[in-house]
Amino acid sequence: MAKIENPWGDGRDATVQNGFCCARPCLNIGENYGVFTQGCGYTQAHKNPTLVCMTRHLHGCPHPLPEPEMGTMRENVDCRHNTVSLCDDDLFSCPLWFCPNCSTYWLVNKPGPHLPGKTFRQLLDEQFPIP
């Protein structure tokens, strides 16, 4: 068993099979409210629902497990990016969004809460690679 830290941004960790589950297409985070019996409802409800992979919880993990898709990896950061601002930079041909709380940048759209960004150095390395 492994955990994905704070996927919903409310401080709870989600229980998954292993560390690669955050990059698998079968991942579906949901709340486990307790023991459910068909026709009876919740027979034992948790006081504080936990987060789990609902695919694993309801049906078990698919067999064989899908390969992790690292390009679609679900990542989160602690920052909610409440104070992002649009800034112009002479090096890039488009405006940059900047969050002063976590010192990260985004090129295209204003970031949502917990969306990972890039450092200025990472942006420079992508735009102007060293041969």
N, C-alpha and C. Protein backbone atom coordinates (compact mmCIF):
# COMPACT_ATOMS: atom_id res chain seq x y z
N MET A 1 0.84 -1.18 0.00
CA MET A 1 0.00 0.00 0.00
C MET A 1 0.89 1.24 0.00
N ALA A 2 0.42 2.26 -0.70
CA ALA A 2 1.14 3.52 -0.78
C ALA A 2 0.12 4.64 -0.61
N LYS A 3 0.62 5.86 -0.58
CA LYS A 3 -0.25 7.02 -0.41
C LYS A 3 0.10 8.08 -1.44
N ILE A 4 -0.92 8.77 -1.92
CA ILE A 4 -0.74 9.98 -2.71
C ILE A 4 -1.05 11.12 -1.77
N GLU A 5 -0.09 12.01 -1.59
CA GLU A 5 -0.24 13.08 -0.61
C GLU A 5 -1.17 14.18 -1.10
N ASN A 6 -2.19 14.44 -0.31
CA ASN A 6 -3.06 15.60 -0.43
C ASN A 6 -3.62 15.82 -1.85
N PRO A 7 -4.23 14.82 -2.49
CA PRO A 7 -4.69 15.02 -3.87
C PRO A 7 -5.84 16.00 -4.02
N TRP A 8 -6.65 16.17 -3.00
CA TRP A 8 -7.79 17.10 -3.08
C TRP A 8 -7.49 18.44 -2.42
N GLY A 9 -6.30 18.58 -1.85
CA GLY A 9 -5.92 19.84 -1.22
C GLY A 9 -6.57 20.09 0.12
N ASP A 10 -7.10 19.05 0.75
CA ASP A 10 -7.74 19.23 2.05
C ASP A 10 -6.98 18.57 3.19
N GLY A 11 -5.73 18.15 2.94
CA GLY A 11 -4.90 17.57 3.97
C GLY A 11 -4.96 16.07 4.11
N ARG A 12 -5.89 15.42 3.41
CA ARG A 12 -6.00 13.96 3.49
C ARG A 12 -5.17 13.31 2.38
N ASP A 13 -4.56 12.16 2.71
CA ASP A 13 -3.82 11.38 1.73
C ASP A 13 -4.71 10.28 1.19
N ALA A 14 -4.48 9.90 -0.07
CA ALA A 14 -5.26 8.84 -0.70
C ALA A 14 -4.47 7.54 -0.69
N THR A 15 -5.13 6.46 -0.33
CA THR A 15 -4.50 5.14 -0.31
C THR A 15 -4.59 4.51 -1.70
N VAL A 16 -3.44 4.09 -2.23
CA VAL A 16 -3.36 3.45 -3.54
C VAL A 16 -2.47 2.22 -3.43
N GLN A 17 -2.35 1.46 -4.52
CA GLN A 17 -1.56 0.24 -4.47
C GLN A 17 -0.07 0.51 -4.36
N ASN A 18 0.48 1.36 -5.25
CA ASN A 18 1.91 1.65 -5.18
C ASN A 18 2.18 3.08 -5.66
N GLY A 19 3.42 3.47 -5.62
CA GLY A 19 3.80 4.84 -5.93
C GLY A 19 3.58 5.25 -7.37
N PHE A 20 3.43 4.32 -8.30
CA PHE A 20 3.22 4.65 -9.69
C PHE A 20 1.75 4.89 -10.03
N CYS A 21 0.86 4.67 -9.07
CA CYS A 21 -0.58 4.81 -9.33
C CYS A 21 -0.96 6.24 -9.72
N CYS A 22 -0.20 7.23 -9.27
CA CYS A 22 -0.54 8.61 -9.61
C CYS A 22 -0.37 8.88 -11.10
N ALA A 23 0.29 7.99 -11.84
CA ALA A 23 0.47 8.15 -13.28
C ALA A 23 -0.32 7.13 -14.09
N ARG A 24 -1.13 6.32 -13.45
CA ARG A 24 -1.90 5.30 -14.17
C ARG A 24 -3.27 5.84 -14.57
N PRO A 25 -3.76 5.46 -15.75
CA PRO A 25 -5.06 5.96 -16.21
C PRO A 25 -6.24 5.42 -15.41
N CYS A 26 -6.05 4.35 -14.65
CA CYS A 26 -7.16 3.76 -13.89
C CYS A 26 -7.42 4.48 -12.56
N LEU A 27 -6.55 5.42 -12.17
CA LEU A 27 -6.70 6.11 -10.89
C LEU A 27 -7.97 6.95 -10.88
N ASN A 28 -8.76 6.78 -9.82
CA ASN A 28 -10.00 7.53 -9.62
C ASN A 28 -10.13 7.79 -8.13
N ILE A 29 -9.74 8.97 -7.67
CA ILE A 29 -9.75 9.30 -6.24
C ILE A 29 -11.18 9.58 -5.80
N GLY A 30 -11.58 8.98 -4.70
CA GLY A 30 -12.90 9.21 -4.12
C GLY A 30 -12.88 8.99 -2.63
N GLU A 31 -14.00 9.26 -1.98
CA GLU A 31 -14.09 9.12 -0.52
C GLU A 31 -14.66 7.76 -0.15
N ASN A 32 -14.03 7.13 0.83
CA ASN A 32 -14.53 5.89 1.41
C ASN A 32 -15.29 6.26 2.67
N TYR A 33 -16.61 6.15 2.61
CA TYR A 33 -17.44 6.56 3.74
C TYR A 33 -17.60 5.48 4.80
N GLY A 34 -17.25 4.24 4.49
CA GLY A 34 -17.38 3.16 5.46
C GLY A 34 -17.79 1.86 4.80
N VAL A 35 -18.33 0.94 5.59
CA VAL A 35 -18.76 -0.37 5.08
C VAL A 35 -20.15 -0.23 4.50
N PHE A 36 -20.28 -0.56 3.22
CA PHE A 36 -21.55 -0.44 2.52
C PHE A 36 -22.07 -1.84 2.20
N THR A 37 -23.33 -2.10 2.50
CA THR A 37 -23.96 -3.37 2.17
C THR A 37 -25.09 -3.10 1.19
N GLN A 38 -25.07 -3.83 0.08
CA GLN A 38 -26.10 -3.65 -0.94
C GLN A 38 -27.48 -3.91 -0.34
N GLY A 39 -28.39 -3.00 -0.53
CA GLY A 39 -29.75 -3.14 0.00
C GLY A 39 -29.92 -2.60 1.40
N CYS A 40 -28.82 -2.42 2.14
CA CYS A 40 -28.89 -1.91 3.51
C CYS A 40 -28.30 -0.51 3.65
N GLY A 41 -27.36 -0.18 2.78
CA GLY A 41 -26.68 1.11 2.90
C GLY A 41 -25.41 0.97 3.72
N TYR A 42 -24.99 2.08 4.34
CA TYR A 42 -23.77 2.06 5.15
C TYR A 42 -24.08 1.44 6.51
N THR A 43 -23.46 0.29 6.76
CA THR A 43 -23.67 -0.39 8.03
C THR A 43 -22.67 0.07 9.08
N GLN A 44 -21.50 0.53 8.64
CA GLN A 44 -20.49 1.10 9.54
C GLN A 44 -19.90 2.30 8.83
N ALA A 45 -20.28 3.50 9.22
CA ALA A 45 -19.80 4.72 8.58
C ALA A 45 -18.59 5.26 9.32
N HIS A 46 -17.59 5.73 8.57
CA HIS A 46 -16.43 6.38 9.17
C HIS A 46 -16.81 7.79 9.63
N LYS A 47 -16.28 8.17 10.76
CA LYS A 47 -16.52 9.53 11.25
C LYS A 47 -15.88 10.54 10.30
N ASN A 48 -14.66 10.25 9.85
CA ASN A 48 -13.95 11.08 8.88
C ASN A 48 -13.66 10.23 7.65
N PRO A 49 -14.36 10.41 6.54
CA PRO A 49 -14.12 9.60 5.35
C PRO A 49 -12.68 9.72 4.86
N THR A 50 -12.14 8.62 4.40
CA THR A 50 -10.77 8.59 3.89
C THR A 50 -10.81 8.64 2.37
N LEU A 51 -9.70 9.07 1.77
CA LEU A 51 -9.57 9.08 0.32
C LEU A 51 -8.91 7.78 -0.14
N VAL A 52 -9.46 7.18 -1.17
CA VAL A 52 -8.93 5.94 -1.72
C VAL A 52 -9.05 6.00 -3.24
N CYS A 53 -8.37 5.08 -3.92
CA CYS A 53 -8.59 4.88 -5.34
C CYS A 53 -9.88 4.08 -5.46
N MET A 54 -10.92 4.69 -6.03
CA MET A 54 -12.22 4.02 -6.09
C MET A 54 -12.21 2.83 -7.04
N THR A 55 -11.36 2.84 -8.06
CA THR A 55 -11.25 1.69 -8.94
C THR A 55 -10.80 0.49 -8.13
N ARG A 56 -9.75 0.67 -7.34
CA ARG A 56 -9.23 -0.41 -6.49
C ARG A 56 -10.24 -0.78 -5.42
N HIS A 57 -10.88 0.21 -4.81
CA HIS A 57 -11.80 -0.01 -3.70
C HIS A 57 -13.04 -0.81 -4.12
N LEU A 58 -13.60 -0.48 -5.29
CA LEU A 58 -14.84 -1.11 -5.72
C LEU A 58 -14.65 -2.38 -6.55
N HIS A 59 -13.61 -2.39 -7.39
CA HIS A 59 -13.46 -3.50 -8.33
C HIS A 59 -12.12 -4.23 -8.22
N GLY A 60 -11.20 -3.69 -7.45
CA GLY A 60 -9.85 -4.23 -7.42
C GLY A 60 -9.03 -3.63 -8.55
N CYS A 61 -7.73 -3.71 -8.44
CA CYS A 61 -6.87 -3.17 -9.49
C CYS A 61 -6.99 -4.01 -10.75
N PRO A 62 -6.96 -3.37 -11.92
CA PRO A 62 -7.03 -4.13 -13.16
C PRO A 62 -5.81 -5.03 -13.31
N HIS A 63 -6.01 -6.15 -13.99
CA HIS A 63 -4.90 -7.06 -14.20
C HIS A 63 -4.78 -7.34 -15.68
N PRO A 64 -3.67 -7.13 -16.30
CA PRO A 64 -2.44 -6.56 -15.75
C PRO A 64 -2.59 -5.06 -15.51
N LEU A 65 -1.77 -4.56 -14.61
CA LEU A 65 -1.81 -3.14 -14.30
C LEU A 65 -1.41 -2.33 -15.53
N PRO A 66 -2.11 -1.24 -15.84
CA PRO A 66 -1.70 -0.39 -16.95
C PRO A 66 -0.34 0.24 -16.67
N GLU A 67 0.41 0.45 -17.73
CA GLU A 67 1.71 1.11 -17.58
C GLU A 67 1.51 2.56 -17.15
N PRO A 68 2.39 3.08 -16.27
CA PRO A 68 2.28 4.49 -15.88
C PRO A 68 2.51 5.40 -17.08
N GLU A 69 1.70 6.44 -17.19
CA GLU A 69 1.84 7.44 -18.23
C GLU A 69 2.42 8.69 -17.58
N MET A 70 3.73 8.80 -17.61
CA MET A 70 4.40 9.87 -16.87
C MET A 70 4.02 11.26 -17.38
N GLY A 71 3.59 11.36 -18.64
CA GLY A 71 3.17 12.65 -19.18
C GLY A 71 1.89 13.16 -18.57
N THR A 72 1.06 12.27 -18.06
CA THR A 72 -0.21 12.67 -17.46
C THR A 72 -0.20 12.50 -15.95
N MET A 73 0.98 12.44 -15.38
CA MET A 73 1.11 12.22 -13.94
C MET A 73 0.36 13.29 -13.16
N ARG A 74 -0.41 12.87 -12.20
CA ARG A 74 -1.18 13.80 -11.38
C ARG A 74 -0.28 14.31 -10.26
N GLU A 75 0.12 15.56 -10.37
CA GLU A 75 0.98 16.16 -9.36
C GLU A 75 0.25 17.31 -8.71
N ASN A 76 0.58 17.55 -7.47
CA ASN A 76 0.04 18.68 -6.75
C ASN A 76 1.14 19.34 -5.96
N VAL A 77 0.99 20.61 -5.69
CA VAL A 77 1.89 21.33 -4.81
C VAL A 77 1.06 21.93 -3.69
N ASP A 78 1.71 22.32 -2.63
CA ASP A 78 1.00 22.85 -1.47
C ASP A 78 0.39 24.23 -1.72
N CYS A 79 0.99 25.01 -2.60
CA CYS A 79 0.55 26.38 -2.82
C CYS A 79 -0.79 26.43 -3.57
N ARG A 80 -1.66 27.34 -3.16
CA ARG A 80 -2.96 27.51 -3.83
C ARG A 80 -2.89 28.59 -4.92
N HIS A 81 -1.75 29.27 -5.06
CA HIS A 81 -1.52 30.29 -6.09
C HIS A 81 -2.59 31.39 -6.03
N ASN A 82 -2.86 31.88 -4.84
CA ASN A 82 -3.86 32.93 -4.67
C ASN A 82 -3.40 34.30 -5.15
N THR A 83 -2.08 34.52 -5.20
CA THR A 83 -1.56 35.84 -5.53
C THR A 83 -0.78 35.86 -6.83
N VAL A 84 -1.20 35.07 -7.83
CA VAL A 84 -0.49 35.07 -9.10
C VAL A 84 -0.70 36.39 -9.83
N SER A 85 0.30 36.77 -10.59
CA SER A 85 0.20 38.01 -11.37
C SER A 85 0.80 37.77 -12.75
N LEU A 86 0.34 38.54 -13.68
CA LEU A 86 0.81 38.46 -15.05
C LEU A 86 1.98 39.42 -15.21
N CYS A 87 3.09 38.92 -15.71
CA CYS A 87 4.26 39.77 -15.89
C CYS A 87 4.83 39.58 -17.29
N ASP A 88 5.40 40.63 -17.82
CA ASP A 88 6.04 40.56 -19.13
C ASP A 88 7.54 40.38 -18.93
N ASP A 89 8.11 39.53 -19.77
CA ASP A 89 9.54 39.28 -19.69
C ASP A 89 10.12 39.43 -21.08
N ASP A 90 11.25 40.06 -21.19
CA ASP A 90 11.85 40.32 -22.50
C ASP A 90 12.40 39.06 -23.16
N LEU A 91 12.71 38.03 -22.39
CA LEU A 91 13.29 36.82 -22.96
C LEU A 91 12.28 35.93 -23.66
N PHE A 92 11.05 35.94 -23.19
CA PHE A 92 10.01 35.07 -23.74
C PHE A 92 9.06 35.90 -24.60
N SER A 93 8.50 35.27 -25.59
CA SER A 93 7.63 35.99 -26.52
C SER A 93 6.18 36.04 -26.05
N CYS A 94 5.91 35.52 -24.88
CA CYS A 94 4.55 35.54 -24.35
C CYS A 94 4.59 35.96 -22.88
N PRO A 95 3.47 36.44 -22.35
CA PRO A 95 3.44 36.83 -20.94
C PRO A 95 3.56 35.62 -20.02
N LEU A 96 4.09 35.85 -18.84
CA LEU A 96 4.29 34.80 -17.84
C LEU A 96 3.40 35.05 -16.63
N TRP A 97 2.82 33.98 -16.10
CA TRP A 97 2.13 34.05 -14.82
C TRP A 97 3.14 33.70 -13.74
N PHE A 98 3.16 34.47 -12.66
CA PHE A 98 4.13 34.26 -11.59
C PHE A 98 3.43 34.21 -10.25
N CYS A 99 3.79 33.21 -9.42
CA CYS A 99 3.27 33.12 -8.06
C CYS A 99 4.41 33.45 -7.10
N PRO A 100 4.33 34.57 -6.37
CA PRO A 100 5.41 34.92 -5.45
C PRO A 100 5.49 34.01 -4.22
N ASN A 101 4.42 33.31 -3.91
CA ASN A 101 4.43 32.44 -2.73
C ASN A 101 5.31 31.21 -2.92
N CYS A 102 5.28 30.62 -4.13
CA CYS A 102 6.08 29.41 -4.36
C CYS A 102 7.16 29.65 -5.42
N SER A 103 7.28 30.88 -5.93
CA SER A 103 8.30 31.28 -6.90
C SER A 103 8.31 30.40 -8.14
N THR A 104 7.13 30.16 -8.70
CA THR A 104 7.03 29.38 -9.92
C THR A 104 6.30 30.16 -11.00
N TYR A 105 6.51 29.73 -12.25
CA TYR A 105 5.98 30.42 -13.43
C TYR A 105 5.15 29.47 -14.28
N TRP A 106 4.23 30.05 -15.08
CA TRP A 106 3.44 29.33 -16.08
C TRP A 106 3.44 30.17 -17.34
N LEU A 107 3.52 29.53 -18.50
CA LEU A 107 3.59 30.25 -19.76
C LEU A 107 2.23 30.57 -20.36
N VAL A 108 1.27 29.69 -20.29
CA VAL A 108 0.07 29.84 -21.08
C VAL A 108 -1.10 30.43 -20.29
N ASN A 109 -1.63 29.66 -19.35
CA ASN A 109 -2.85 30.06 -18.65
C ASN A 109 -2.58 30.35 -17.19
N LYS A 110 -3.50 31.10 -16.61
CA LYS A 110 -3.44 31.35 -15.17
C LYS A 110 -3.60 30.02 -14.45
N PRO A 111 -2.73 29.72 -13.49
CA PRO A 111 -2.78 28.40 -12.85
C PRO A 111 -3.93 28.27 -11.85
N GLY A 112 -4.43 27.06 -11.73
CA GLY A 112 -5.41 26.74 -10.71
C GLY A 112 -4.71 26.37 -9.42
N PRO A 113 -5.45 26.15 -8.34
CA PRO A 113 -4.84 25.77 -7.07
C PRO A 113 -4.09 24.45 -7.18
N HIS A 114 -2.94 24.38 -6.56
CA HIS A 114 -2.12 23.17 -6.43
C HIS A 114 -1.52 22.69 -7.76
N LEU A 115 -1.55 23.51 -8.80
CA LEU A 115 -0.97 23.12 -10.08
C LEU A 115 0.54 23.36 -10.06
N PRO A 116 1.34 22.34 -10.38
CA PRO A 116 2.79 22.55 -10.36
C PRO A 116 3.23 23.47 -11.49
N GLY A 117 4.14 24.35 -11.20
CA GLY A 117 4.69 25.26 -12.20
C GLY A 117 6.15 24.94 -12.44
N LYS A 118 6.85 25.88 -13.05
CA LYS A 118 8.26 25.70 -13.35
C LYS A 118 9.05 26.87 -12.78
N THR A 119 10.29 26.60 -12.43
CA THR A 119 11.16 27.67 -11.99
C THR A 119 11.62 28.45 -13.21
N PHE A 120 12.15 29.62 -12.98
CA PHE A 120 12.64 30.43 -14.09
C PHE A 120 13.78 29.71 -14.80
N ARG A 121 14.58 29.03 -14.06
CA ARG A 121 15.69 28.27 -14.66
C ARG A 121 15.16 27.17 -15.59
N GLN A 122 14.11 26.46 -15.17
CA GLN A 122 13.53 25.43 -16.03
C GLN A 122 12.97 26.02 -17.31
N LEU A 123 12.32 27.19 -17.21
CA LEU A 123 11.81 27.84 -18.40
C LEU A 123 12.94 28.24 -19.35
N LEU A 124 14.02 28.76 -18.80
CA LEU A 124 15.17 29.13 -19.63
C LEU A 124 15.77 27.91 -20.32
N ASP A 125 15.90 26.80 -19.58
CA ASP A 125 16.47 25.58 -20.16
C ASP A 125 15.61 25.03 -21.28
N GLU A 126 14.28 25.17 -21.16
CA GLU A 126 13.39 24.70 -22.22
C GLU A 126 13.43 25.59 -23.44
N GLN A 127 13.43 26.90 -23.22
CA GLN A 127 13.39 27.84 -24.33
C GLN A 127 14.75 28.00 -25.04
N PHE A 128 15.82 27.91 -24.28
CA PHE A 128 17.16 28.11 -24.84
C PHE A 128 18.07 26.95 -24.41
N PRO A 129 17.88 25.76 -25.03
CA PRO A 129 18.70 24.62 -24.62
C PRO A 129 20.17 24.81 -24.99
N ILE A 130 21.00 24.25 -24.15
CA ILE A 130 22.45 24.31 -24.39
C ILE A 130 22.81 23.12 -25.29
N PRO A 131 23.48 23.39 -26.43
CA PRO A 131 23.81 22.26 -27.34
C PRO A 131 24.84 21.33 -26.77
